[in-house]
Amino acid sequence: MKARTLSFATDLGRIQLTWTTGGICALRFVEDLDRDDAKEAPIWVLDAVRQLMAHLAGHPQTLSNIPLDLSGLTPFQRRVAEVLRATRPGQTISYGEVALLAGRPGAARAVGQAVKANPILILVPCHRVVAAAGPGGWSAFGTPERKARLLELEALTSG
């Protein structure tokens, strides 16, 4: 499956989305672009972009219907992704709780590595994971404000 990439501007910054025929396989914040295959994007990808742009503009969307291609993840990373996607939008969960729910009690550090390696930001909601002591820790979002804003938007969706 050949991956294609497009980028788009959102209220939280520029996002690069990469997809295969199996679904979205990467979503990340970027400063610039290497390539852009937007002209070749199928309707479902353009619909995902529309949903993400609306969501990040303060019009919360249910994003769980967007197809994902998790084939590049390890089995443990997939279990972590499943736990994160099952966590109620707007809620947070500790690394230790994710480890327990992923079937590896005591593997909080391994969860931290899986979260750090998450290639599909927002759609595999690693922003829901916090340290047991409270907010903080590593973030792929560039700023703590982005992570906080994503949780706020999710709370609006679930509220």
N, C-alpha and C. Protein backbone atom coordinates (compact mmCIF):
# COMPACT_ATOMS: atom_id res chain seq x y z
N MET A 1 0.83 -1.18 0.00
CA MET A 1 0.00 0.00 0.00
C MET A 1 0.88 1.24 0.00
N LYS A 2 0.80 2.01 -1.04
CA LYS A 2 1.58 3.23 -1.13
C LYS A 2 0.93 4.32 -0.30
N ALA A 3 1.73 4.97 0.53
CA ALA A 3 1.22 6.05 1.37
C ALA A 3 1.23 7.36 0.61
N ARG A 4 0.21 8.14 0.84
CA ARG A 4 0.07 9.48 0.26
C ARG A 4 -0.04 10.47 1.40
N THR A 5 0.33 11.71 1.14
CA THR A 5 0.35 12.72 2.19
C THR A 5 -0.28 14.02 1.70
N LEU A 6 -0.99 14.67 2.61
CA LEU A 6 -1.46 16.02 2.36
C LEU A 6 -1.36 16.81 3.66
N SER A 7 -1.41 18.11 3.55
CA SER A 7 -1.36 18.93 4.76
C SER A 7 -2.44 19.98 4.69
N PHE A 8 -2.79 20.49 5.86
CA PHE A 8 -3.83 21.51 5.94
C PHE A 8 -3.64 22.32 7.21
N ALA A 9 -4.11 23.55 7.16
CA ALA A 9 -3.99 24.45 8.30
C ALA A 9 -5.20 24.28 9.21
N THR A 10 -4.96 24.31 10.53
CA THR A 10 -6.02 24.25 11.52
C THR A 10 -5.81 25.37 12.52
N ASP A 11 -6.76 25.55 13.40
CA ASP A 11 -6.65 26.56 14.45
C ASP A 11 -5.50 26.24 15.42
N LEU A 12 -5.06 24.99 15.46
CA LEU A 12 -3.96 24.61 16.36
C LEU A 12 -2.62 24.49 15.66
N GLY A 13 -2.60 24.70 14.34
CA GLY A 13 -1.36 24.61 13.58
C GLY A 13 -1.53 23.74 12.35
N ARG A 14 -0.48 23.68 11.55
CA ARG A 14 -0.49 22.91 10.31
C ARG A 14 -0.36 21.43 10.63
N ILE A 15 -1.18 20.63 9.96
CA ILE A 15 -1.19 19.18 10.17
C ILE A 15 -0.85 18.47 8.88
N GLN A 16 -0.05 17.43 8.98
CA GLN A 16 0.24 16.56 7.85
C GLN A 16 -0.45 15.23 8.10
N LEU A 17 -1.24 14.80 7.14
CA LEU A 17 -1.99 13.55 7.22
C LEU A 17 -1.45 12.61 6.15
N THR A 18 -1.18 11.38 6.53
CA THR A 18 -0.70 10.36 5.60
C THR A 18 -1.68 9.20 5.61
N TRP A 19 -2.03 8.70 4.44
CA TRP A 19 -2.99 7.62 4.35
C TRP A 19 -2.55 6.56 3.36
N THR A 20 -3.11 5.38 3.54
CA THR A 20 -2.99 4.28 2.59
C THR A 20 -4.43 3.88 2.24
N THR A 21 -4.58 2.87 1.42
CA THR A 21 -5.93 2.40 1.12
C THR A 21 -6.59 1.82 2.37
N GLY A 22 -5.79 1.47 3.39
CA GLY A 22 -6.33 0.90 4.62
C GLY A 22 -6.81 1.92 5.63
N GLY A 23 -6.42 3.18 5.49
CA GLY A 23 -6.83 4.21 6.43
C GLY A 23 -5.71 5.20 6.69
N ILE A 24 -5.94 6.08 7.63
CA ILE A 24 -4.92 7.06 8.00
C ILE A 24 -3.84 6.36 8.82
N CYS A 25 -2.59 6.55 8.41
CA CYS A 25 -1.48 5.88 9.10
C CYS A 25 -0.57 6.86 9.83
N ALA A 26 -0.75 8.16 9.59
CA ALA A 26 0.03 9.17 10.31
C ALA A 26 -0.72 10.50 10.30
N LEU A 27 -0.62 11.20 11.43
CA LEU A 27 -1.21 12.52 11.57
C LEU A 27 -0.35 13.25 12.57
N ARG A 28 0.27 14.35 12.12
CA ARG A 28 1.19 15.05 13.01
C ARG A 28 1.20 16.54 12.70
N PHE A 29 1.62 17.31 13.69
CA PHE A 29 1.79 18.75 13.49
C PHE A 29 3.13 18.96 12.81
N VAL A 30 3.16 19.87 11.82
CA VAL A 30 4.38 20.13 11.06
C VAL A 30 4.56 21.63 10.86
N GLU A 31 5.78 22.00 10.59
CA GLU A 31 6.09 23.39 10.26
C GLU A 31 6.14 23.61 8.76
N ASP A 32 6.62 22.60 8.02
CA ASP A 32 6.70 22.70 6.57
C ASP A 32 6.40 21.34 5.96
N LEU A 33 6.43 21.26 4.66
CA LEU A 33 6.04 20.04 3.96
C LEU A 33 7.17 19.46 3.14
N ASP A 34 7.17 18.14 3.03
CA ASP A 34 8.07 17.46 2.12
C ASP A 34 7.37 17.25 0.77
N ARG A 35 6.08 16.87 0.85
CA ARG A 35 5.31 16.60 -0.37
C ARG A 35 3.83 16.74 -0.02
N ASP A 36 3.01 16.82 -1.05
CA ASP A 36 1.58 16.98 -0.83
C ASP A 36 0.83 16.32 -1.98
N ASP A 37 0.12 15.22 -1.67
CA ASP A 37 -0.64 14.48 -2.67
C ASP A 37 -2.13 14.78 -2.58
N ALA A 38 -2.50 15.99 -2.19
CA ALA A 38 -3.90 16.35 -1.97
C ALA A 38 -4.76 16.09 -3.21
N LYS A 39 -4.21 16.29 -4.38
CA LYS A 39 -4.99 16.09 -5.62
C LYS A 39 -5.40 14.65 -5.81
N GLU A 40 -4.68 13.74 -5.16
CA GLU A 40 -4.97 12.32 -5.30
C GLU A 40 -5.78 11.77 -4.13
N ALA A 41 -6.23 12.63 -3.23
CA ALA A 41 -6.93 12.18 -2.03
C ALA A 41 -8.34 11.69 -2.36
N PRO A 42 -8.69 10.50 -1.86
CA PRO A 42 -10.05 10.01 -2.05
C PRO A 42 -11.04 10.79 -1.17
N ILE A 43 -12.30 10.64 -1.47
CA ILE A 43 -13.36 11.37 -0.75
C ILE A 43 -13.28 11.14 0.75
N TRP A 44 -13.02 9.90 1.19
CA TRP A 44 -13.02 9.64 2.63
C TRP A 44 -11.89 10.40 3.33
N VAL A 45 -10.77 10.61 2.66
CA VAL A 45 -9.67 11.38 3.25
C VAL A 45 -10.07 12.86 3.34
N LEU A 46 -10.66 13.38 2.28
CA LEU A 46 -11.10 14.77 2.30
C LEU A 46 -12.17 15.00 3.37
N ASP A 47 -13.03 13.99 3.58
CA ASP A 47 -14.03 14.09 4.64
C ASP A 47 -13.35 14.08 6.02
N ALA A 48 -12.32 13.26 6.19
CA ALA A 48 -11.57 13.24 7.44
C ALA A 48 -10.92 14.59 7.70
N VAL A 49 -10.35 15.20 6.67
CA VAL A 49 -9.75 16.53 6.80
C VAL A 49 -10.81 17.53 7.22
N ARG A 50 -11.97 17.50 6.59
CA ARG A 50 -13.06 18.41 6.94
C ARG A 50 -13.46 18.24 8.41
N GLN A 51 -13.60 16.99 8.85
CA GLN A 51 -13.96 16.73 10.24
C GLN A 51 -12.90 17.24 11.21
N LEU A 52 -11.63 16.98 10.89
CA LEU A 52 -10.55 17.44 11.76
C LEU A 52 -10.48 18.96 11.83
N MET A 53 -10.63 19.62 10.69
CA MET A 53 -10.59 21.08 10.67
C MET A 53 -11.74 21.66 11.49
N ALA A 54 -12.93 21.11 11.34
CA ALA A 54 -14.08 21.58 12.11
C ALA A 54 -13.86 21.34 13.61
N HIS A 55 -13.38 20.15 13.94
CA HIS A 55 -13.13 19.80 15.34
C HIS A 55 -12.14 20.77 15.98
N LEU A 56 -11.06 21.02 15.30
CA LEU A 56 -10.01 21.88 15.85
C LEU A 56 -10.38 23.36 15.81
N ALA A 57 -11.44 23.70 15.08
CA ALA A 57 -11.93 25.08 15.05
C ALA A 57 -12.98 25.33 16.13
N GLY A 58 -13.22 24.32 16.98
CA GLY A 58 -14.16 24.50 18.06
C GLY A 58 -15.55 23.97 17.77
N HIS A 59 -15.68 23.19 16.71
CA HIS A 59 -16.95 22.54 16.37
C HIS A 59 -16.73 21.04 16.50
N PRO A 60 -16.74 20.54 17.75
CA PRO A 60 -16.35 19.16 18.02
C PRO A 60 -17.07 18.13 17.15
N GLN A 61 -16.29 17.18 16.72
CA GLN A 61 -16.76 16.09 15.86
C GLN A 61 -16.46 14.76 16.56
N THR A 62 -17.22 13.76 16.21
CA THR A 62 -16.88 12.41 16.63
C THR A 62 -15.91 11.87 15.60
N LEU A 63 -14.68 11.68 16.00
CA LEU A 63 -13.62 11.32 15.04
C LEU A 63 -13.37 9.81 14.97
N SER A 64 -14.09 9.04 15.78
CA SER A 64 -13.84 7.60 15.85
C SER A 64 -14.27 6.86 14.58
N ASN A 65 -15.02 7.52 13.70
CA ASN A 65 -15.46 6.86 12.46
C ASN A 65 -14.42 6.95 11.34
N ILE A 66 -13.35 7.68 11.57
CA ILE A 66 -12.31 7.84 10.54
C ILE A 66 -11.46 6.56 10.51
N PRO A 67 -11.33 5.93 9.34
CA PRO A 67 -10.57 4.68 9.27
C PRO A 67 -9.07 4.90 9.51
N LEU A 68 -8.49 3.99 10.27
CA LEU A 68 -7.07 4.05 10.59
C LEU A 68 -6.36 2.83 10.04
N ASP A 69 -5.13 3.00 9.63
CA ASP A 69 -4.25 1.91 9.23
C ASP A 69 -3.20 1.77 10.32
N LEU A 70 -3.38 0.79 11.19
CA LEU A 70 -2.47 0.58 12.32
C LEU A 70 -1.43 -0.49 12.02
N SER A 71 -1.27 -0.85 10.77
CA SER A 71 -0.37 -1.95 10.40
C SER A 71 1.09 -1.65 10.74
N GLY A 72 1.46 -0.40 10.88
CA GLY A 72 2.84 -0.06 11.21
C GLY A 72 3.15 -0.12 12.70
N LEU A 73 2.14 -0.42 13.51
CA LEU A 73 2.34 -0.48 14.96
C LEU A 73 2.64 -1.90 15.42
N THR A 74 3.35 -2.00 16.53
CA THR A 74 3.58 -3.31 17.13
C THR A 74 2.27 -3.77 17.79
N PRO A 75 2.16 -5.05 18.11
CA PRO A 75 0.94 -5.51 18.80
C PRO A 75 0.67 -4.74 20.10
N PHE A 76 1.70 -4.44 20.87
CA PHE A 76 1.49 -3.68 22.11
C PHE A 76 1.04 -2.25 21.80
N GLN A 77 1.65 -1.62 20.82
CA GLN A 77 1.23 -0.27 20.44
C GLN A 77 -0.23 -0.26 19.99
N ARG A 78 -0.64 -1.32 19.31
CA ARG A 78 -2.06 -1.41 18.89
C ARG A 78 -2.97 -1.53 20.10
N ARG A 79 -2.56 -2.33 21.10
CA ARG A 79 -3.38 -2.45 22.31
C ARG A 79 -3.48 -1.11 23.03
N VAL A 80 -2.38 -0.38 23.11
CA VAL A 80 -2.39 0.94 23.72
C VAL A 80 -3.33 1.86 22.93
N ALA A 81 -3.25 1.82 21.61
CA ALA A 81 -4.12 2.64 20.77
C ALA A 81 -5.59 2.30 21.03
N GLU A 82 -5.90 1.03 21.16
CA GLU A 82 -7.28 0.61 21.43
C GLU A 82 -7.75 1.15 22.78
N VAL A 83 -6.90 1.09 23.79
CA VAL A 83 -7.26 1.62 25.12
C VAL A 83 -7.51 3.11 25.02
N LEU A 84 -6.63 3.82 24.35
CA LEU A 84 -6.79 5.27 24.24
C LEU A 84 -8.06 5.64 23.48
N ARG A 85 -8.35 4.91 22.43
CA ARG A 85 -9.57 5.21 21.65
C ARG A 85 -10.82 4.85 22.44
N ALA A 86 -10.71 3.92 23.38
CA ALA A 86 -11.86 3.53 24.20
C ALA A 86 -12.05 4.47 25.40
N THR A 87 -11.04 5.26 25.71
CA THR A 87 -11.15 6.22 26.81
C THR A 87 -12.12 7.32 26.39
N ARG A 88 -13.01 7.67 27.30
CA ARG A 88 -14.04 8.66 26.99
C ARG A 88 -13.39 9.99 26.56
N PRO A 89 -13.85 10.56 25.46
CA PRO A 89 -13.31 11.86 25.01
C PRO A 89 -13.36 12.90 26.13
N GLY A 90 -12.27 13.65 26.25
CA GLY A 90 -12.18 14.69 27.26
C GLY A 90 -11.67 14.21 28.60
N GLN A 91 -11.61 12.90 28.79
CA GLN A 91 -11.11 12.33 30.04
C GLN A 91 -9.63 12.01 29.91
N THR A 92 -8.95 11.93 31.03
CA THR A 92 -7.55 11.55 31.02
C THR A 92 -7.38 10.20 31.71
N ILE A 93 -6.26 9.58 31.42
CA ILE A 93 -5.95 8.27 31.96
C ILE A 93 -4.45 8.23 32.22
N SER A 94 -4.03 7.57 33.28
CA SER A 94 -2.60 7.51 33.60
C SER A 94 -1.92 6.43 32.78
N TYR A 95 -0.60 6.55 32.69
CA TYR A 95 0.20 5.55 31.99
C TYR A 95 -0.02 4.17 32.60
N GLY A 96 -0.06 4.12 33.93
CA GLY A 96 -0.27 2.85 34.63
C GLY A 96 -1.63 2.24 34.33
N GLU A 97 -2.67 3.08 34.27
CA GLU A 97 -4.01 2.58 33.93
C GLU A 97 -4.05 2.05 32.51
N VAL A 98 -3.38 2.72 31.60
CA VAL A 98 -3.32 2.24 30.21
C VAL A 98 -2.62 0.88 30.18
N ALA A 99 -1.52 0.76 30.91
CA ALA A 99 -0.79 -0.52 30.95
C ALA A 99 -1.68 -1.65 31.45
N LEU A 100 -2.42 -1.39 32.51
CA LEU A 100 -3.32 -2.39 33.07
C LEU A 100 -4.38 -2.80 32.05
N LEU A 101 -5.01 -1.82 31.43
CA LEU A 101 -6.06 -2.10 30.45
C LEU A 101 -5.52 -2.74 29.18
N ALA A 102 -4.24 -2.52 28.89
CA ALA A 102 -3.61 -3.12 27.70
C ALA A 102 -3.08 -4.52 27.99
N GLY A 103 -3.30 -4.97 29.23
CA GLY A 103 -2.89 -6.34 29.57
C GLY A 103 -1.46 -6.48 30.05
N ARG A 104 -0.82 -5.36 30.40
CA ARG A 104 0.57 -5.40 30.89
C ARG A 104 0.71 -4.57 32.16
N PRO A 105 0.11 -5.02 33.26
CA PRO A 105 0.20 -4.27 34.50
C PRO A 105 1.66 -3.97 34.84
N GLY A 106 1.91 -2.77 35.30
CA GLY A 106 3.27 -2.38 35.68
C GLY A 106 4.13 -1.90 34.51
N ALA A 107 3.57 -1.86 33.33
CA ALA A 107 4.35 -1.48 32.15
C ALA A 107 4.11 -0.02 31.75
N ALA A 108 4.04 0.85 32.74
CA ALA A 108 3.77 2.26 32.46
C ALA A 108 4.84 2.87 31.56
N ARG A 109 6.10 2.48 31.76
CA ARG A 109 7.16 3.02 30.89
C ARG A 109 7.00 2.56 29.45
N ALA A 110 6.60 1.31 29.28
CA ALA A 110 6.36 0.81 27.92
C ALA A 110 5.20 1.56 27.28
N VAL A 111 4.19 1.90 28.06
CA VAL A 111 3.08 2.71 27.55
C VAL A 111 3.62 4.08 27.14
N GLY A 112 4.49 4.65 27.97
CA GLY A 112 5.09 5.94 27.63
C GLY A 112 5.82 5.89 26.30
N GLN A 113 6.54 4.80 26.05
CA GLN A 113 7.24 4.65 24.77
C GLN A 113 6.25 4.50 23.61
N ALA A 114 5.16 3.75 23.85
CA ALA A 114 4.14 3.58 22.81
C ALA A 114 3.47 4.91 22.49
N VAL A 115 3.20 5.69 23.53
CA VAL A 115 2.58 7.01 23.34
C VAL A 115 3.54 7.92 22.58
N LYS A 116 4.80 7.89 22.96
CA LYS A 116 5.80 8.73 22.29
C LYS A 116 5.94 8.36 20.81
N ALA A 117 5.77 7.08 20.50
CA ALA A 117 5.91 6.60 19.12
C ALA A 117 4.62 6.72 18.31
N ASN A 118 3.54 7.17 18.94
CA ASN A 118 2.25 7.24 18.26
C ASN A 118 2.35 8.10 16.99
N PRO A 119 2.11 7.50 15.82
CA PRO A 119 2.19 8.28 14.59
C PRO A 119 0.89 8.98 14.20
N ILE A 120 -0.20 8.67 14.91
CA ILE A 120 -1.51 9.17 14.49
C ILE A 120 -2.10 10.03 15.61
N LEU A 121 -1.53 11.24 15.76
CA LEU A 121 -2.00 12.14 16.80
C LEU A 121 -3.49 12.45 16.61
N ILE A 122 -4.12 12.80 17.66
CA ILE A 122 -5.54 13.17 17.73
C ILE A 122 -6.45 11.96 17.53
N LEU A 123 -6.27 11.22 16.43
CA LEU A 123 -7.14 10.08 16.15
C LEU A 123 -6.80 8.88 17.03
N VAL A 124 -5.55 8.69 17.37
CA VAL A 124 -5.15 7.79 18.46
C VAL A 124 -4.78 8.77 19.56
N PRO A 125 -5.73 9.04 20.45
CA PRO A 125 -5.66 10.19 21.35
C PRO A 125 -4.68 10.07 22.50
N CYS A 126 -3.40 10.14 22.17
CA CYS A 126 -2.37 10.07 23.20
C CYS A 126 -2.40 11.30 24.11
N HIS A 127 -3.10 12.36 23.69
CA HIS A 127 -3.23 13.53 24.55
C HIS A 127 -4.06 13.23 25.79
N ARG A 128 -4.74 12.08 25.83
CA ARG A 128 -5.54 11.70 27.00
C ARG A 128 -4.68 11.11 28.11
N VAL A 129 -3.43 10.78 27.83
CA VAL A 129 -2.56 10.14 28.82
C VAL A 129 -1.83 11.20 29.63
N VAL A 130 -1.89 11.04 30.95
CA VAL A 130 -1.18 11.95 31.85
C VAL A 130 -0.42 11.13 32.88
N ALA A 131 0.57 11.75 33.47
CA ALA A 131 1.31 11.10 34.56
C ALA A 131 0.38 10.95 35.76
N ALA A 132 0.61 9.93 36.56
CA ALA A 132 -0.22 9.69 37.74
C ALA A 132 -0.26 10.90 38.66
N ALA A 133 0.81 11.68 38.66
CA ALA A 133 0.89 12.87 39.52
C ALA A 133 0.11 14.05 38.94
N GLY A 134 -0.40 13.91 37.71
CA GLY A 134 -1.16 15.00 37.11
C GLY A 134 -0.63 15.36 35.74
N PRO A 135 -1.16 16.42 35.15
CA PRO A 135 -0.76 16.83 33.81
C PRO A 135 0.74 17.05 33.70
N GLY A 136 1.22 16.89 32.49
CA GLY A 136 2.65 17.09 32.24
C GLY A 136 3.19 15.92 31.46
N GLY A 137 4.48 15.83 31.38
CA GLY A 137 5.10 14.73 30.66
C GLY A 137 5.29 15.04 29.19
N TRP A 138 5.76 14.06 28.47
CA TRP A 138 6.08 14.21 27.06
C TRP A 138 4.83 14.51 26.26
N SER A 139 4.97 15.34 25.26
CA SER A 139 3.84 15.64 24.38
C SER A 139 4.33 15.82 22.95
N ALA A 140 3.65 15.14 22.04
CA ALA A 140 3.95 15.27 20.62
C ALA A 140 3.30 16.50 20.02
N PHE A 141 2.60 17.25 20.85
CA PHE A 141 1.81 18.36 20.35
C PHE A 141 2.56 19.66 20.34
N GLY A 142 3.78 19.68 20.80
CA GLY A 142 4.60 20.87 20.76
C GLY A 142 4.42 21.79 21.93
N THR A 143 3.19 21.95 22.39
CA THR A 143 2.95 22.83 23.53
C THR A 143 1.92 22.20 24.46
N PRO A 144 2.03 22.45 25.75
CA PRO A 144 1.01 21.94 26.67
C PRO A 144 -0.37 22.53 26.35
N GLU A 145 -0.39 23.74 25.79
CA GLU A 145 -1.66 24.39 25.46
C GLU A 145 -2.42 23.61 24.38
N ARG A 146 -1.70 23.06 23.41
CA ARG A 146 -2.36 22.26 22.37
C ARG A 146 -3.03 21.04 22.98
N LYS A 147 -2.30 20.35 23.84
CA LYS A 147 -2.84 19.15 24.48
C LYS A 147 -4.07 19.52 25.31
N ALA A 148 -3.98 20.60 26.07
CA ALA A 148 -5.11 21.05 26.88
C ALA A 148 -6.30 21.41 26.00
N ARG A 149 -6.04 22.06 24.88
CA ARG A 149 -7.13 22.46 23.98
C ARG A 149 -7.82 21.24 23.38
N LEU A 150 -7.06 20.21 23.04
CA LEU A 150 -7.67 18.99 22.51
C LEU A 150 -8.60 18.36 23.54
N LEU A 151 -8.18 18.33 24.79
CA LEU A 151 -9.04 17.79 25.85
C LEU A 151 -10.29 18.65 26.04
N GLU A 152 -10.14 19.96 25.95
CA GLU A 152 -11.30 20.85 26.04
C GLU A 152 -12.30 20.57 24.92
N LEU A 153 -11.81 20.43 23.70
CA LEU A 153 -12.68 20.18 22.56
C LEU A 153 -13.40 18.84 22.73
N GLU A 154 -12.70 17.84 23.23
CA GLU A 154 -13.32 16.54 23.45
C GLU A 154 -14.40 16.63 24.54
N ALA A 155 -14.13 17.40 25.56
CA ALA A 155 -15.12 17.55 26.62
C ALA A 155 -16.41 18.15 26.07
N LEU A 156 -16.29 19.08 25.11
CA LEU A 156 -17.48 19.65 24.47
C LEU A 156 -18.24 18.59 23.70
N THR A 157 -17.51 17.68 23.05
CA THR A 157 -18.13 16.61 22.27
C THR A 157 -18.89 15.67 23.17
N SER A 158 -18.29 15.31 24.31
CA SER A 158 -18.89 14.30 25.18
C SER A 158 -19.90 14.90 26.15
N GLY A 159 -19.90 16.23 26.29
CA GLY A 159 -20.76 16.88 27.28
C GLY A 159 -22.13 17.03 26.86
